[in-house]
């Protein structure tokens, strides 16, 4: 059964919907399950100003995209790759703790959702590819 917190995260549509205003745009698919995400990111190359997204995906990808779109606003592009790599390590090595600045992802990145990690990380992978990190 899907946790109510994941449903709440996926229900936050504040950054859902493409505006056709972007400095970086990408569409990616999860080859395992067919999830699809399109991102529009506005960035000056150093700071991410905003991220809008649209998905045809499962609730885990939707929740991750919604949360990520809020968390990366005004973040340094340079630090994103390190942050994302740390989060991926959390998914592989359960001993590593999620950094406090990404604590909201604890509900998604737990052993109950291990089989859905590709879905959860699709928005992260799309940001990395869009920004060519």
Protein backbone atom coordinates (compact mmCIF):
# COMPACT_ATOMS: atom_id res chain seq x y z
CA UNK A 1 0.00 0.00 0.00
CA UNK A 2 1.23 3.47 -0.85
CA UNK A 3 2.03 5.69 2.10
CA UNK A 4 -0.20 8.76 2.57
CA UNK A 5 2.86 11.02 2.70
CA UNK A 6 3.89 9.88 -0.81
CA UNK A 7 0.38 10.61 -2.04
CA UNK A 8 0.58 14.07 -0.42
CA UNK A 9 3.94 14.78 -2.09
CA UNK A 10 2.66 13.69 -5.49
CA UNK A 11 -0.46 15.83 -5.04
CA UNK A 12 1.54 19.05 -4.74
CA UNK A 13 1.23 20.44 -8.25
CA UNK A 14 2.76 23.87 -7.61
CA UNK A 15 5.47 23.28 -10.25
CA UNK A 16 3.48 20.98 -12.51
CA UNK A 17 2.88 22.20 -16.03
CA UNK A 18 5.24 23.38 -18.73
CA UNK A 19 5.39 27.12 -19.49
CA UNK A 20 7.64 27.04 -22.58
CA UNK A 21 10.07 29.33 -20.70
CA UNK A 22 13.38 27.62 -20.06
CA UNK A 23 17.12 27.67 -20.50
CA UNK A 24 17.26 23.85 -20.41
CA UNK A 25 14.62 21.36 -21.48
CA UNK A 26 14.63 17.58 -21.58
CA UNK A 27 12.33 14.60 -21.90
CA UNK A 28 13.41 11.25 -20.48
CA UNK A 29 11.90 7.81 -20.04
CA UNK A 30 12.46 5.06 -17.52
CA UNK A 31 13.12 2.06 -19.75
CA UNK A 32 12.06 -0.38 -17.03
CA UNK A 33 8.52 0.85 -16.44
CA UNK A 34 7.77 3.48 -19.10
CA UNK A 35 7.64 6.53 -16.81
CA UNK A 36 8.15 9.71 -18.80
CA UNK A 37 9.17 13.15 -17.54
CA UNK A 38 9.69 16.48 -19.28
CA UNK A 39 11.54 19.23 -17.43
CA UNK A 40 11.88 22.94 -18.12
CA UNK A 41 14.66 24.46 -16.05
CA UNK A 42 15.62 28.11 -15.85
CA UNK A 43 19.25 28.51 -14.84
CA UNK A 44 21.98 31.05 -15.41
CA UNK A 45 24.54 28.24 -15.32
CA UNK A 46 25.37 28.80 -11.67
CA UNK A 47 22.00 28.86 -9.90
CA UNK A 48 18.74 27.10 -10.71
CA UNK A 49 15.93 29.63 -10.65
CA UNK A 50 13.05 27.25 -11.32
CA UNK A 51 12.01 23.82 -12.51
CA UNK A 52 8.68 22.97 -14.09
CA UNK A 53 7.76 19.42 -14.99
CA UNK A 54 5.18 17.25 -16.63
CA UNK A 55 4.96 13.49 -16.20
CA UNK A 56 3.23 10.43 -17.43
CA UNK A 57 4.45 8.34 -14.55
CA UNK A 58 3.80 6.43 -11.38
CA UNK A 59 3.13 8.12 -8.06
CA UNK A 60 6.75 7.63 -6.94
CA UNK A 61 8.12 9.55 -9.92
CA UNK A 62 5.42 12.22 -9.50
CA UNK A 63 6.25 12.64 -5.79
CA UNK A 64 9.97 12.82 -6.52
CA UNK A 65 9.53 15.38 -9.32
CA UNK A 66 7.26 17.54 -7.20
CA UNK A 67 9.63 17.52 -4.25
CA UNK A 68 12.75 18.00 -6.37
CA UNK A 69 11.20 20.97 -8.20
CA UNK A 70 10.81 22.70 -4.84
CA UNK A 71 14.17 21.69 -3.37
CA UNK A 72 16.47 22.76 -6.22
CA UNK A 73 15.10 26.27 -6.58
CA UNK A 74 17.92 28.77 -5.89
CA UNK A 75 20.46 25.94 -5.48
CA UNK A 76 23.96 25.94 -6.92
CA UNK A 77 24.33 23.90 -10.09
CA UNK A 78 27.87 23.03 -9.01
CA UNK A 79 26.65 21.37 -5.80
CA UNK A 80 23.79 19.44 -7.39
CA UNK A 81 25.88 16.61 -8.79
CA UNK A 82 27.43 15.93 -5.37
CA UNK A 83 24.04 16.11 -3.68
CA UNK A 84 22.47 13.76 -6.21
CA UNK A 85 25.35 11.29 -5.97
CA UNK A 86 24.98 11.27 -2.18
CA UNK A 87 21.28 10.50 -2.51
CA UNK A 88 22.00 7.67 -4.94
CA UNK A 89 24.50 6.22 -2.47
CA UNK A 90 21.78 6.29 0.17
CA UNK A 91 19.67 4.11 -2.10
CA UNK A 92 22.49 1.58 -2.48
CA UNK A 93 24.09 1.70 0.97
CA UNK A 94 21.47 1.92 3.65
CA UNK A 95 24.04 2.99 6.26
CA UNK A 96 24.48 6.42 4.67
CA UNK A 97 22.14 9.10 6.01
CA UNK A 98 20.18 11.47 3.83
CA UNK A 99 21.61 15.00 4.09
CA UNK A 100 19.35 17.33 6.09
CA UNK A 101 18.73 19.61 3.12
CA UNK A 102 17.05 16.64 1.40
CA UNK A 103 15.36 15.21 4.49
CA UNK A 104 11.95 15.38 2.82
CA UNK A 105 13.09 12.53 0.54
CA UNK A 106 13.30 10.10 3.50
CA UNK A 107 9.78 8.89 2.86
CA UNK A 108 10.68 8.02 -0.74
CA UNK A 109 14.21 6.72 -0.21
CA UNK A 110 13.61 3.85 2.14
CA UNK A 111 13.82 0.10 1.88
CA UNK A 112 10.05 -0.22 1.34
CA UNK A 113 10.48 1.53 -2.01
CA UNK A 114 13.73 -0.10 -3.11
CA UNK A 115 12.15 -1.61 -6.22
CA UNK A 116 10.96 1.88 -7.26
CA UNK A 117 14.30 3.69 -7.03
CA UNK A 118 14.58 4.01 -10.83
CA UNK A 119 11.22 5.78 -10.78
CA UNK A 120 12.25 8.00 -7.89
CA UNK A 121 15.57 8.97 -9.51
CA UNK A 122 14.19 9.69 -13.00
CA UNK A 123 13.69 13.41 -12.20
CA UNK A 124 17.24 13.60 -10.78
CA UNK A 125 18.70 11.93 -13.87
CA UNK A 126 16.74 14.31 -16.09
CA UNK A 127 18.10 17.38 -14.24
CA UNK A 128 21.67 16.07 -14.58
CA UNK A 129 21.26 15.36 -18.28
CA UNK A 130 19.47 18.66 -18.99
CA UNK A 131 22.19 20.68 -17.27
CA UNK A 132 24.88 18.47 -18.85
CA UNK A 133 26.50 17.77 -15.47
